[in-house]
Amino acid sequence: MPSYEPARAGKGLRADAQRNRARILEAAEAVFAAKGPAASTEEIALRAGVGIGTVFRHFPTKEALLQAIIGRLADRLAEDTASLAEGGDPGTAFFTFFAGMVERAARTKTVIDLLAEAGIAITVAKPIRMLRESIEDLLANAQQAGTVRPDVRVTEVIALLIGVCQAALHTAWDPGLQERTLAIVFDGLRPAR
């Protein structure tokens, strides 16, 4: 099973190669989101401002590029979640995190669909472990602040996240439907008044 190793992905590269790799990943995310499976490596190279050879040096296959995108998204998500847990209002942080997860799921649908079509499994154990720890912190802080019911456990939060994110991934959610769905979920997580 292929895995994305964020610590090794850009390590050992010259500074300009690291910048190129980052630009390619950023461009690929945008191009795949806009074009879906029809996205070409040439479009990605053009948007990143690099030659096609540079793209293939970093990512010899489309699958390798998709794996790197997912790994990068997982890393970013874990970092953002840890940052939310560290500062600000605990209730706002928890609900901001939850809504952000759903939004990201909708945006990364194309990449996830492409990986599934290709039958590619990706292991992102470290970022997922970090994400779980951050969710635990967010939940504990929100419960201490009285903005989330005290009987809610992290496993239930993760189950709700998976369900809502799957719905965002596999249905055409308009912003209104997403907002109404989150309001219902959030009402269920908040303490009774």
C-alpha atoms as a PDB file:
ATOM      1  CA  MET A   1       0.000   0.000   0.000  1.00  0.00           C
ATOM      2  CA  PRO A   2       1.585   3.330  -1.001  1.00  0.00           C
ATOM      3  CA  SER A   3       2.043   5.835   1.732  1.00  0.00           C
ATOM      4  CA  TYR A   4       2.772   9.492   1.877  1.00  0.00           C
ATOM      5  CA  GLU A   5       5.702  10.366   4.098  1.00  0.00           C
ATOM      6  CA  PRO A   6       5.571  14.128   4.620  1.00  0.00           C
ATOM      7  CA  ALA A   7       8.895  14.264   6.418  1.00  0.00           C
ATOM      8  CA  ARG A   8      10.697  12.732   3.459  1.00  0.00           C
ATOM      9  CA  ALA A   9       8.675  14.228   0.618  1.00  0.00           C
ATOM     10  CA  GLY A  10      10.778  17.343   0.182  1.00  0.00           C
ATOM     11  CA  LYS A  11      13.735  16.512   2.390  1.00  0.00           C
ATOM     12  CA  GLY A  12      17.123  16.597   0.759  1.00  0.00           C
ATOM     13  CA  LEU A  13      15.930  18.777  -2.098  1.00  0.00           C
ATOM     14  CA  ARG A  14      17.589  22.056  -2.959  1.00  0.00           C
ATOM     15  CA  ALA A  15      15.608  25.135  -1.964  1.00  0.00           C
ATOM     16  CA  ASP A  16      14.528  25.815  -5.561  1.00  0.00           C
ATOM     17  CA  ALA A  17      13.411  22.192  -5.970  1.00  0.00           C
ATOM     18  CA  GLN A  18      11.396  22.417  -2.753  1.00  0.00           C
ATOM     19  CA  ARG A  19       9.720  25.592  -4.030  1.00  0.00           C
ATOM     20  CA  ASN A  20       8.958  23.911  -7.369  1.00  0.00           C
ATOM     21  CA  ARG A  21       7.477  20.891  -5.599  1.00  0.00           C
ATOM     22  CA  ALA A  22       5.253  23.131  -3.453  1.00  0.00           C
ATOM     23  CA  ARG A  23       4.115  25.143  -6.513  1.00  0.00           C
ATOM     24  CA  ILE A  24       3.334  21.934  -8.407  1.00  0.00           C
ATOM     25  CA  LEU A  25       1.221  20.593  -5.533  1.00  0.00           C
ATOM     26  CA  GLU A  26      -0.635  23.874  -5.162  1.00  0.00           C
ATOM     27  CA  ALA A  27      -1.296  24.052  -8.901  1.00  0.00           C
ATOM     28  CA  ALA A  28      -2.356  20.406  -9.043  1.00  0.00           C
ATOM     29  CA  GLU A  29      -4.904  20.902  -6.260  1.00  0.00           C
ATOM     30  CA  ALA A  30      -6.459  23.799  -8.163  1.00  0.00           C
ATOM     31  CA  VAL A  31      -6.386  22.112 -11.573  1.00  0.00           C
ATOM     32  CA  PHE A  32      -7.847  18.814 -10.310  1.00  0.00           C
ATOM     33  CA  ALA A  33     -10.560  20.697  -8.424  1.00  0.00           C
ATOM     34  CA  ALA A  34     -11.468  22.678 -11.553  1.00  0.00           C
ATOM     35  CA  LYS A  35     -11.044  20.038 -14.270  1.00  0.00           C
ATOM     36  CA  GLY A  36     -11.493  16.697 -12.479  1.00  0.00           C
ATOM     37  CA  PRO A  37     -10.139  13.629 -14.251  1.00  0.00           C
ATOM     38  CA  ALA A  38      -9.638  15.649 -17.443  1.00  0.00           C
ATOM     39  CA  ALA A  39      -6.832  17.621 -15.773  1.00  0.00           C
ATOM     40  CA  SER A  40      -3.558  17.246 -17.614  1.00  0.00           C
ATOM     41  CA  THR A  41      -0.013  17.331 -16.383  1.00  0.00           C
ATOM     42  CA  GLU A  42       0.661  20.087 -18.925  1.00  0.00           C
ATOM     43  CA  GLU A  43      -2.005  22.309 -17.332  1.00  0.00           C
ATOM     44  CA  ILE A  44      -0.495  21.676 -13.910  1.00  0.00           C
ATOM     45  CA  ALA A  45       3.007  22.543 -15.147  1.00  0.00           C
ATOM     46  CA  LEU A  46       1.742  25.715 -16.812  1.00  0.00           C
ATOM     47  CA  ARG A  47      -0.146  26.848 -13.723  1.00  0.00           C
ATOM     48  CA  ALA A  48       2.881  26.075 -11.505  1.00  0.00           C
ATOM     49  CA  GLY A  49       5.202  27.974 -13.830  1.00  0.00           C
ATOM     50  CA  VAL A  50       7.497  24.987 -14.384  1.00  0.00           C
ATOM     51  CA  GLY A  51       8.301  22.692 -17.271  1.00  0.00           C
ATOM     52  CA  ILE A  52       6.593  19.351 -17.740  1.00  0.00           C
ATOM     53  CA  GLY A  53       9.907  17.609 -17.019  1.00  0.00           C
ATOM     54  CA  THR A  54      10.023  19.247 -13.595  1.00  0.00           C
ATOM     55  CA  VAL A  55       6.578  17.873 -12.785  1.00  0.00           C
ATOM     56  CA  PHE A  56       7.626  14.355 -13.810  1.00  0.00           C
ATOM     57  CA  ARG A  57      10.888  14.555 -11.850  1.00  0.00           C
ATOM     58  CA  HIS A  58       8.923  15.195  -8.679  1.00  0.00           C
ATOM     59  CA  PHE A  59       5.894  13.055  -9.519  1.00  0.00           C
ATOM     60  CA  PRO A  60       6.557  10.340 -12.121  1.00  0.00           C
ATOM     61  CA  THR A  61       2.854   9.366 -12.264  1.00  0.00           C
ATOM     62  CA  LYS A  62      -0.499  11.038 -11.796  1.00  0.00           C
ATOM     63  CA  GLU A  63      -1.089   8.660  -8.878  1.00  0.00           C
ATOM     64  CA  ALA A  64       2.101   9.848  -7.151  1.00  0.00           C
ATOM     65  CA  LEU A  65       0.911  13.422  -7.554  1.00  0.00           C
ATOM     66  CA  LEU A  66      -2.541  12.601  -6.151  1.00  0.00           C
ATOM     67  CA  GLN A  67      -0.977  10.798  -3.186  1.00  0.00           C
ATOM     68  CA  ALA A  68       1.209  13.799  -2.431  1.00  0.00           C
ATOM     69  CA  ILE A  69      -1.811  16.115  -2.602  1.00  0.00           C
ATOM     70  CA  ILE A  70      -3.755  14.009  -0.102  1.00  0.00           C
ATOM     71  CA  GLY A  71      -0.746  13.796   2.203  1.00  0.00           C
ATOM     72  CA  ARG A  72      -0.256  17.547   2.018  1.00  0.00           C
ATOM     73  CA  LEU A  73      -3.926  18.152   2.773  1.00  0.00           C
ATOM     74  CA  ALA A  74      -3.764  15.802   5.768  1.00  0.00           C
ATOM     75  CA  ASP A  75      -0.664  17.566   7.098  1.00  0.00           C
ATOM     76  CA  ARG A  76      -2.258  20.984   6.652  1.00  0.00           C
ATOM     77  CA  LEU A  77      -5.449  19.844   8.327  1.00  0.00           C
ATOM     78  CA  ALA A  78      -3.575  18.476  11.338  1.00  0.00           C
ATOM     79  CA  GLU A  79      -1.599  21.724  11.652  1.00  0.00           C
ATOM     80  CA  ASP A  80      -4.714  23.898  11.340  1.00  0.00           C
ATOM     81  CA  THR A  81      -6.561  21.805  13.904  1.00  0.00           C
ATOM     82  CA  ALA A  82      -3.679  21.962  16.376  1.00  0.00           C
ATOM     83  CA  SER A  83      -3.572  25.733  15.900  1.00  0.00           C
ATOM     84  CA  LEU A  84      -7.314  26.047  16.593  1.00  0.00           C
ATOM     85  CA  ALA A  85      -6.922  23.950  19.748  1.00  0.00           C
ATOM     86  CA  GLU A  86      -4.194  26.247  21.054  1.00  0.00           C
ATOM     87  CA  GLY A  87      -5.905  29.605  20.838  1.00  0.00           C
ATOM     88  CA  GLY A  88      -9.139  31.491  20.821  1.00  0.00           C
ATOM     89  CA  ASP A  89     -12.574  30.703  22.164  1.00  0.00           C
ATOM     90  CA  PRO A  90     -12.895  26.922  22.713  1.00  0.00           C
ATOM     91  CA  GLY A  91     -16.484  26.689  21.465  1.00  0.00           C
ATOM     92  CA  THR A  92     -15.769  28.710  18.359  1.00  0.00           C
ATOM     93  CA  ALA A  93     -12.616  26.660  17.700  1.00  0.00           C
ATOM     94  CA  PHE A  94     -14.488  23.345  17.905  1.00  0.00           C
ATOM     95  CA  PHE A  95     -17.326  24.363  15.607  1.00  0.00           C
ATOM     96  CA  THR A  96     -14.966  26.186  13.208  1.00  0.00           C
ATOM     97  CA  PHE A  97     -12.933  22.993  12.934  1.00  0.00           C
ATOM     98  CA  PHE A  98     -16.013  20.865  12.227  1.00  0.00           C
ATOM     99  CA  ALA A  99     -17.346  23.231   9.542  1.00  0.00           C
ATOM    100  CA  GLY A 100     -13.864  23.495   8.002  1.00  0.00           C
ATOM    101  CA  MET A 101     -13.612  19.724   7.710  1.00  0.00           C
ATOM    102  CA  VAL A 102     -16.858  19.573   5.780  1.00  0.00           C
ATOM    103  CA  GLU A 103     -15.753  22.407   3.488  1.00  0.00           C
ATOM    104  CA  ARG A 104     -12.434  20.668   2.788  1.00  0.00           C
ATOM    105  CA  ALA A 105     -14.193  17.398   2.053  1.00  0.00           C
ATOM    106  CA  ALA A 106     -16.304  19.084  -0.600  1.00  0.00           C
ATOM    107  CA  ARG A 107     -13.224  20.764  -2.140  1.00  0.00           C
ATOM    108  CA  THR A 108     -11.110  17.591  -2.267  1.00  0.00           C
ATOM    109  CA  LYS A 109     -13.837  15.415  -3.767  1.00  0.00           C
ATOM    110  CA  THR A 110     -12.184  15.236  -7.177  1.00  0.00           C
ATOM    111  CA  VAL A 111      -8.838  14.109  -5.827  1.00  0.00           C
ATOM    112  CA  ILE A 112     -10.433  11.459  -3.618  1.00  0.00           C
ATOM    113  CA  ASP A 113     -12.613  10.227  -6.487  1.00  0.00           C
ATOM    114  CA  LEU A 114      -9.584   9.966  -8.778  1.00  0.00           C
ATOM    115  CA  LEU A 115      -7.689   7.936  -6.193  1.00  0.00           C
ATOM    116  CA  ALA A 116     -10.661   5.637  -5.700  1.00  0.00           C
ATOM    117  CA  GLU A 117     -11.049   5.132  -9.466  1.00  0.00           C
ATOM    118  CA  ALA A 118      -7.394   4.188  -9.710  1.00  0.00           C
ATOM    119  CA  GLY A 119      -7.750   1.803  -6.757  1.00  0.00           C
ATOM    120  CA  ILE A 120      -5.035   3.590  -4.809  1.00  0.00           C
ATOM    121  CA  ALA A 121      -4.983   3.243  -1.048  1.00  0.00           C
ATOM    122  CA  ILE A 122      -3.072   5.844   0.892  1.00  0.00           C
ATOM    123  CA  THR A 123      -1.769   5.597   4.421  1.00  0.00           C
ATOM    124  CA  VAL A 124      -1.486   8.865   6.266  1.00  0.00           C
ATOM    125  CA  ALA A 125      -1.205   7.423   9.769  1.00  0.00           C
ATOM    126  CA  LYS A 126       0.870  10.175  11.388  1.00  0.00           C
ATOM    127  CA  PRO A 127      -1.316  13.114  10.264  1.00  0.00           C
ATOM    128  CA  ILE A 128      -4.469  11.167  11.185  1.00  0.00           C
ATOM    129  CA  ARG A 129      -3.084  10.391  14.650  1.00  0.00           C
ATOM    130  CA  MET A 130      -2.194  14.066  15.073  1.00  0.00           C
ATOM    131  CA  LEU A 131      -5.673  15.033  13.876  1.00  0.00           C
ATOM    132  CA  ARG A 132      -7.340  12.731  16.421  1.00  0.00           C
ATOM    133  CA  GLU A 133      -5.247  14.212  19.224  1.00  0.00           C
ATOM    134  CA  SER A 134      -6.200  17.714  18.101  1.00  0.00           C
ATOM    135  CA  ILE A 135      -9.887  16.771  17.978  1.00  0.00           C
ATOM    136  CA  GLU A 136      -9.590  15.434  21.529  1.00  0.00           C
ATOM    137  CA  ASP A 137      -8.091  18.761  22.635  1.00  0.00           C
ATOM    138  CA  LEU A 138     -10.744  20.808  20.821  1.00  0.00           C
ATOM    139  CA  LEU A 139     -13.521  18.704  22.292  1.00  0.00           C
ATOM    140  CA  ALA A 140     -12.164  18.813  25.852  1.00  0.00           C
ATOM    141  CA  ASN A 141     -11.707  22.591  25.664  1.00  0.00           C
ATOM    142  CA  ALA A 142     -15.205  23.124  24.255  1.00  0.00           C
ATOM    143  CA  GLN A 143     -16.715  20.897  26.937  1.00  0.00           C
ATOM    144  CA  GLN A 144     -14.857  22.765  29.689  1.00  0.00           C
ATOM    145  CA  ALA A 145     -16.188  26.022  28.252  1.00  0.00           C
ATOM    146  CA  GLY A 146     -19.726  24.576  28.307  1.00  0.00           C
ATOM    147  CA  THR A 147     -20.298  24.870  24.549  1.00  0.00           C
ATOM    148  CA  VAL A 148     -20.372  21.097  23.827  1.00  0.00           C
ATOM    149  CA  ARG A 149     -22.352  18.526  25.801  1.00  0.00           C
ATOM    150  CA  PRO A 150     -20.265  16.761  28.442  1.00  0.00           C
ATOM    151  CA  ASP A 151     -21.396  13.284  27.312  1.00  0.00           C
ATOM    152  CA  VAL A 152     -19.987  13.657  23.767  1.00  0.00           C
ATOM    153  CA  ARG A 153     -16.875  11.560  23.156  1.00  0.00           C
ATOM    154  CA  VAL A 154     -14.224  11.924  20.462  1.00  0.00           C
ATOM    155  CA  THR A 155     -15.425   8.722  18.752  1.00  0.00           C
ATOM    156  CA  GLU A 156     -18.849  10.292  18.294  1.00  0.00           C
ATOM    157  CA  VAL A 157     -17.348  13.501  16.914  1.00  0.00           C
ATOM    158  CA  ILE A 158     -15.295  11.470  14.433  1.00  0.00           C
ATOM    159  CA  ALA A 159     -18.364   9.413  13.438  1.00  0.00           C
ATOM    160  CA  LEU A 160     -20.348  12.603  12.818  1.00  0.00           C
ATOM    161  CA  LEU A 161     -17.461  14.119  10.868  1.00  0.00           C
ATOM    162  CA  ILE A 162     -17.149  11.043   8.677  1.00  0.00           C
ATOM    163  CA  GLY A 163     -20.874  10.986   7.974  1.00  0.00           C
ATOM    164  CA  VAL A 164     -21.186  14.673   7.155  1.00  0.00           C
ATOM    165  CA  CYS A 165     -17.957  14.707   5.113  1.00  0.00           C
ATOM    166  CA  GLN A 166     -19.097  11.645   3.142  1.00  0.00           C
ATOM    167  CA  ALA A 167     -22.357  13.415   2.380  1.00  0.00           C
ATOM    168  CA  ALA A 168     -20.410  16.475   1.218  1.00  0.00           C
ATOM    169  CA  LEU A 169     -18.179  14.266  -0.932  1.00  0.00           C
ATOM    170  CA  HIS A 170     -20.878  12.237  -2.617  1.00  0.00           C
ATOM    171  CA  THR A 171     -23.754  14.653  -3.068  1.00  0.00           C
ATOM    172  CA  ALA A 172     -24.063  18.009  -4.708  1.00  0.00           C
ATOM    173  CA  TRP A 173     -24.299  20.207  -1.639  1.00  0.00           C
ATOM    174  CA  ASP A 174     -25.163  23.815  -2.154  1.00  0.00           C
ATOM    175  CA  PRO A 175     -24.044  26.237   0.567  1.00  0.00           C
ATOM    176  CA  GLY A 176     -27.560  26.413   1.997  1.00  0.00           C
ATOM    177  CA  LEU A 177     -27.850  22.656   2.456  1.00  0.00           C
ATOM    178  CA  GLN A 178     -24.413  22.514   4.038  1.00  0.00           C
ATOM    179  CA  GLU A 179     -25.296  25.335   6.432  1.00  0.00           C
ATOM    180  CA  ARG A 180     -28.625  23.731   7.456  1.00  0.00           C
ATOM    181  CA  THR A 181     -27.013  20.309   7.958  1.00  0.00           C
ATOM    182  CA  LEU A 182     -24.246  21.750  10.119  1.00  0.00           C
ATOM    183  CA  ALA A 183     -26.806  23.703  12.177  1.00  0.00           C
ATOM    184  CA  ILE A 184     -28.657  20.453  12.958  1.00  0.00           C
ATOM    185  CA  VAL A 185     -25.445  18.615  13.889  1.00  0.00           C
ATOM    186  CA  PHE A 186     -24.207  21.523  15.995  1.00  0.00           C
ATOM    187  CA  ASP A 187     -27.548  21.758  17.830  1.00  0.00           C
ATOM    188  CA  GLY A 188     -27.162  18.080  18.743  1.00  0.00           C
ATOM    189  CA  LEU A 189     -23.627  18.663  20.072  1.00  0.00           C
ATOM    190  CA  ARG A 190     -24.524  21.697  22.184  1.00  0.00           C
ATOM    191  CA  PRO A 191     -25.816  21.330  25.761  1.00  0.00           C
ATOM    192  CA  ALA A 192     -29.577  21.416  26.275  1.00  0.00           C
ATOM    193  CA  ARG A 193     -30.848  24.889  27.117  1.00  0.00           C
END
